[in-house]
Amino acid sequence: MKVLVPIKRVVDSNVRVAPKRDGSGVELAGAKMSINPFDEIAVEEALRLKERGLASEVVVVTIGGAEAQAQLRTALAMGADRAIQVDGAGLPSNEVQPLHAARLLKALVDREQPGLVLMGKQAIDDDCNQTGQMLAALWDRPQCTFTSRLAIAGGTLTGTREVDAGLETLECELPAVVTTDLRLNEPRFVKMPDIMKAKAKKLEVVPAAALGVAVPPALTTSHHAPPPKRSGGRKVADVTELVAALRDRGVL
């Protein structure tokens, strides 16, 4: 079984970002970039499936410019077999939106014919949490989202996910789309010898236009601004005063 793992290049989770002065975007100059943490978990899970003999090949893919190849090389150093960069030149904007990504990934799915697509449940830059669901709909295959435990037996995938009422277990026929939660695993540490070996692995560049996918502008971002500063709190002496304060603010 071939496993396709889409990954996204994002600002490292330890970096504190700020909007540009003109509000046209986020200031990325000098910022450390990494694989989206949820996607890194998806790569790790795909590698574990291969190590257990449940997958024959792990293919990582990203959508973006040449700078995104660094994140593909990191995934290759983790153990992925090959990588595909969908060159985003020609897309309606520099921002790859969920529907754009889902349509491009569907074209790659048609070409690669994977038995499983493993991807992060969301990206930490836009928090959209839509691409996996859109891909499953376009592919017309089952989906198991927010997966915190995964098992495969024969042609059936069993996924456990956290819901408001507790834990929910789903069974899906393969091929399927799975989106990963943080509790699924802890990604491995990449060692220097693996980084050197990754340079010899295949990295294919595919122009987005070559996939024949229509990606019209869906959303337009008009402005970026920092969140408003929190106002100071107020201490109350008892429940009666708390209720009165809430009524004064129109909450009750």
Protein backbone atom coordinates (compact mmCIF):
# COMPACT_ATOMS: atom_id res chain seq x y z
CA MET A 1 0.00 0.00 0.00
CA LYS A 2 1.28 3.43 -0.97
CA VAL A 3 0.73 6.23 1.57
CA LEU A 4 0.55 9.83 0.36
CA VAL A 5 1.35 12.46 3.00
CA PRO A 6 0.67 16.13 2.19
CA ILE A 7 2.73 18.56 4.29
CA LYS A 8 2.74 22.35 4.58
CA ARG A 9 5.56 24.82 5.17
CA VAL A 10 4.64 27.07 8.10
CA VAL A 11 6.33 29.37 10.59
CA ASP A 12 7.86 27.26 13.36
CA SER A 13 5.48 26.85 16.29
CA ASN A 14 8.06 28.39 18.67
CA VAL A 15 8.22 31.64 16.70
CA ARG A 16 6.00 34.54 17.72
CA VAL A 17 4.66 36.16 14.56
CA ALA A 18 3.40 39.70 14.03
CA PRO A 19 1.56 41.40 11.16
CA LYS A 20 3.39 43.74 8.83
CA ARG A 21 3.04 47.44 9.52
CA ASP A 22 0.87 47.96 6.46
CA GLY A 23 -1.39 45.02 7.40
CA SER A 24 -0.71 43.26 4.11
CA GLY A 25 0.39 40.00 5.72
CA VAL A 26 2.51 38.38 8.40
CA GLU A 27 6.15 39.38 8.80
CA LEU A 28 8.20 36.34 7.76
CA ALA A 29 11.63 37.92 7.27
CA GLY A 30 14.14 35.85 9.20
CA ALA A 31 11.46 33.60 10.69
CA LYS A 32 12.27 29.92 11.11
CA MET A 33 10.08 27.71 8.91
CA SER A 34 9.17 24.09 9.62
CA ILE A 35 6.80 21.30 8.69
CA ASN A 36 3.34 21.94 10.08
CA PRO A 37 3.32 19.99 13.41
CA PHE A 38 0.15 18.05 12.56
CA ASP A 39 1.64 17.07 9.19
CA GLU A 40 4.86 15.94 10.86
CA ILE A 41 2.76 13.56 12.96
CA ALA A 42 1.18 12.26 9.74
CA VAL A 43 4.64 11.59 8.27
CA GLU A 44 5.65 9.73 11.44
CA GLU A 45 2.51 7.58 11.36
CA ALA A 46 3.05 6.70 7.70
CA LEU A 47 6.62 5.62 8.48
CA ARG A 48 5.40 3.47 11.36
CA LEU A 49 2.90 1.80 9.05
CA LYS A 50 5.74 1.00 6.66
CA GLU A 51 7.91 -0.33 9.49
CA ARG A 52 5.07 -2.67 10.49
CA GLY A 53 4.81 -3.95 6.94
CA LEU A 54 1.44 -2.26 6.29
CA ALA A 55 2.76 0.21 3.71
CA SER A 56 5.15 -0.28 0.82
CA GLU A 57 5.99 3.35 0.03
CA VAL A 58 5.65 6.73 1.71
CA VAL A 59 5.38 9.74 -0.62
CA VAL A 60 5.36 13.28 0.80
CA VAL A 61 3.96 16.20 -1.18
CA THR A 62 3.77 19.93 -0.66
CA ILE A 63 2.38 22.89 -2.58
CA GLY A 64 4.63 25.92 -2.79
CA GLY A 65 7.79 27.43 -4.17
CA ALA A 66 11.35 26.14 -4.16
CA GLU A 67 11.76 27.23 -0.53
CA ALA A 68 9.35 24.44 0.50
CA GLN A 69 11.85 21.83 -0.67
CA ALA A 70 13.64 22.21 2.68
CA GLN A 71 10.60 20.78 4.46
CA LEU A 72 10.32 17.98 1.91
CA ARG A 73 13.98 17.10 2.56
CA THR A 74 13.23 16.99 6.28
CA ALA A 75 10.43 14.49 5.64
CA LEU A 76 12.77 12.46 3.43
CA ALA A 77 15.34 12.49 6.24
CA MET A 78 12.68 11.13 8.58
CA GLY A 79 12.35 8.15 6.24
CA ALA A 80 9.94 8.99 3.43
CA ASP A 81 10.80 7.30 0.13
CA ARG A 82 10.26 10.19 -2.28
CA ALA A 83 8.85 13.70 -2.44
CA ILE A 84 6.75 15.81 -4.82
CA GLN A 85 6.72 19.60 -4.90
CA VAL A 86 3.72 21.11 -6.63
CA ASP A 87 5.13 24.43 -7.83
CA GLY A 88 2.58 27.06 -6.82
CA ALA A 89 3.60 29.52 -9.53
CA GLY A 90 0.50 30.57 -11.41
CA LEU A 91 -1.91 30.09 -8.54
CA PRO A 92 -4.32 33.01 -7.92
CA SER A 93 -2.40 34.18 -4.87
CA ASN A 94 0.57 33.37 -2.70
CA GLU A 95 -1.83 31.90 -0.17
CA VAL A 96 -2.78 28.28 -0.91
CA GLN A 97 -6.37 27.97 0.25
CA PRO A 98 -7.98 24.66 1.36
CA LEU A 99 -10.03 24.18 -1.80
CA HIS A 100 -6.99 24.89 -3.99
CA ALA A 101 -4.94 22.36 -2.04
CA ALA A 102 -7.70 19.73 -2.11
CA ARG A 103 -8.12 19.98 -5.88
CA LEU A 104 -4.38 19.78 -6.53
CA LEU A 105 -4.04 16.85 -4.13
CA LYS A 106 -6.94 15.07 -5.85
CA ALA A 107 -5.05 15.33 -9.15
CA LEU A 108 -1.99 13.79 -7.48
CA VAL A 109 -4.14 11.06 -5.93
CA ASP A 110 -5.42 10.17 -9.40
CA ARG A 111 -1.82 9.94 -10.62
CA GLU A 112 -0.26 8.14 -7.65
CA GLN A 113 -3.21 5.90 -6.70
CA PRO A 114 -2.39 5.68 -2.96
CA GLY A 115 -4.16 3.29 -0.62
CA LEU A 116 -4.16 5.91 2.12
CA VAL A 117 -3.80 9.68 2.40
CA LEU A 118 -2.46 10.75 5.80
CA MET A 119 -2.41 14.44 6.63
CA GLY A 120 -2.55 16.84 9.55
CA LYS A 121 -6.01 17.86 10.71
CA GLN A 122 -5.14 21.55 10.23
CA ALA A 123 -2.27 23.94 9.61
CA ILE A 124 -1.17 26.18 12.44
CA ASP A 125 -1.00 29.27 10.22
CA ASP A 126 -4.62 29.46 9.07
CA ASP A 127 -6.30 26.79 11.29
CA CYS A 128 -8.82 26.13 8.52
CA ASN A 129 -9.20 22.37 9.16
CA GLN A 130 -10.84 21.83 5.76
CA THR A 131 -8.40 20.33 3.24
CA GLY A 132 -8.69 16.70 4.36
CA GLN A 133 -12.48 16.77 4.34
CA MET A 134 -12.59 18.48 0.94
CA LEU A 135 -10.15 15.94 -0.51
CA ALA A 136 -12.25 13.02 0.76
CA ALA A 137 -15.35 14.56 -0.83
CA LEU A 138 -13.62 15.16 -4.17
CA TRP A 139 -12.13 11.64 -4.09
CA ASP A 140 -15.47 10.16 -2.96
CA ARG A 141 -13.72 8.03 -0.34
CA PRO A 142 -14.25 7.59 3.43
CA GLN A 143 -12.55 9.89 5.93
CA CYS A 144 -11.47 9.61 9.56
CA THR A 145 -10.65 13.03 10.99
CA PHE A 146 -8.85 14.12 14.20
CA THR A 147 -7.42 10.61 14.58
CA SER A 148 -5.61 9.90 17.85
CA ARG A 149 -5.22 6.12 17.32
CA LEU A 150 -4.92 4.20 14.06
CA ALA A 151 -4.96 0.52 13.08
CA ILE A 152 -5.16 -1.25 9.72
CA ALA A 153 -6.19 -4.87 9.17
CA GLY A 154 -6.75 -6.17 5.66
CA GLY A 155 -8.63 -3.53 3.72
CA THR A 156 -10.16 -1.91 6.78
CA LEU A 157 -8.88 1.08 8.74
CA THR A 158 -9.94 1.61 12.34
CA GLY A 159 -9.48 5.09 13.77
CA THR A 160 -10.15 6.46 17.23
CA ARG A 161 -10.94 10.14 17.60
CA GLU A 162 -11.76 12.43 20.47
CA VAL A 163 -15.24 13.97 20.48
CA ASP A 164 -17.15 16.01 23.05
CA ALA A 165 -18.71 12.88 24.59
CA GLY A 166 -15.40 10.99 24.85
CA LEU A 167 -13.80 8.65 22.30
CA GLU A 168 -15.35 7.56 19.01
CA THR A 169 -14.11 4.62 16.92
CA LEU A 170 -14.71 4.55 13.17
CA GLU A 171 -14.11 1.82 10.60
CA CYS A 172 -13.36 2.83 7.01
CA GLU A 173 -12.71 0.86 3.87
CA LEU A 174 -9.44 1.71 2.14
CA PRO A 175 -8.55 3.84 0.24
CA ALA A 176 -9.39 6.60 2.72
CA VAL A 177 -8.33 10.00 4.00
CA VAL A 178 -7.09 10.27 7.59
CA THR A 179 -6.31 13.53 9.38
CA THR A 180 -4.10 13.32 12.46
CA ASP A 181 -4.38 14.76 15.95
CA LEU A 182 -1.48 15.63 18.24
CA ARG A 183 -2.01 12.56 20.45
CA LEU A 184 -1.44 10.06 17.63
CA ASN A 185 2.34 9.86 18.09
CA GLU A 186 5.54 11.77 18.74
CA PRO A 187 7.66 12.36 15.60
CA ARG A 188 11.17 10.95 15.56
CA PHE A 189 14.33 13.01 15.84
CA VAL A 190 16.14 13.45 12.54
CA LYS A 191 19.83 12.53 12.70
CA MET A 192 22.61 14.02 10.59
CA PRO A 193 23.33 10.78 8.62
CA ASP A 194 19.65 10.65 7.64
CA ILE A 195 19.81 14.26 6.47
CA MET A 196 22.76 13.40 4.23
CA LYS A 197 20.98 10.32 2.83
CA ALA A 198 17.89 12.40 2.09
CA LYS A 199 19.85 14.45 -0.46
CA ALA A 200 20.06 11.39 -2.70
CA LYS A 201 16.33 10.63 -2.59
CA LYS A 202 14.07 11.64 -5.44
CA LEU A 203 12.34 15.02 -5.27
CA GLU A 204 10.04 15.68 -8.22
CA VAL A 205 8.84 19.17 -9.15
CA VAL A 206 5.41 19.31 -10.80
CA PRO A 207 4.03 22.65 -12.08
CA ALA A 208 0.56 23.27 -10.71
CA ALA A 209 -0.63 24.11 -14.23
CA ALA A 210 0.45 20.65 -15.42
CA LEU A 211 -2.13 19.01 -13.17
CA GLY A 212 -4.97 20.57 -15.15
CA VAL A 213 -6.84 21.76 -12.08
CA ALA A 214 -8.97 24.88 -12.01
CA VAL A 215 -8.14 26.91 -8.91
CA PRO A 216 -10.15 30.14 -9.10
CA PRO A 217 -9.80 32.64 -6.23
CA ALA A 218 -12.13 31.57 -3.45
CA LEU A 219 -11.27 33.96 -0.63
CA THR A 220 -9.52 37.31 -0.55
CA THR A 221 -7.68 38.46 2.56
CA SER A 222 -8.20 42.19 3.00
CA HIS A 223 -6.16 42.96 6.10
CA HIS A 224 -4.02 41.48 8.89
CA ALA A 225 -4.08 42.88 12.42
CA PRO A 226 -2.95 41.72 15.87
CA PRO A 227 -5.66 40.61 18.31
CA PRO A 228 -6.93 43.34 20.66
CA LYS A 229 -5.21 43.56 24.01
CA ARG A 230 -7.08 42.04 26.90
CA SER A 231 -8.56 44.48 29.38
CA GLY A 232 -7.84 44.16 33.08
CA GLY A 233 -9.88 41.82 35.22
CA ARG A 234 -12.06 42.62 38.20
CA LYS A 235 -12.23 40.82 41.52
CA VAL A 236 -15.61 40.24 43.17
CA ALA A 237 -16.28 39.44 46.79
CA ASP A 238 -19.00 36.82 46.35
CA VAL A 239 -21.43 35.18 43.92
CA THR A 240 -24.03 37.91 44.38
CA GLU A 241 -21.58 40.58 43.24
CA LEU A 242 -20.49 38.35 40.33
CA VAL A 243 -24.07 37.94 39.12
CA ALA A 244 -24.67 41.68 39.42
CA ALA A 245 -21.52 42.43 37.41
CA LEU A 246 -22.54 40.01 34.68
CA ARG A 247 -25.99 41.61 34.50
CA ASP A 248 -24.42 45.05 34.21
CA ARG A 249 -22.46 43.81 31.18
CA GLY A 250 -25.57 42.30 29.60
CA VAL A 251 -24.26 38.74 29.82
CA LEU A 252 -27.20 37.60 31.98
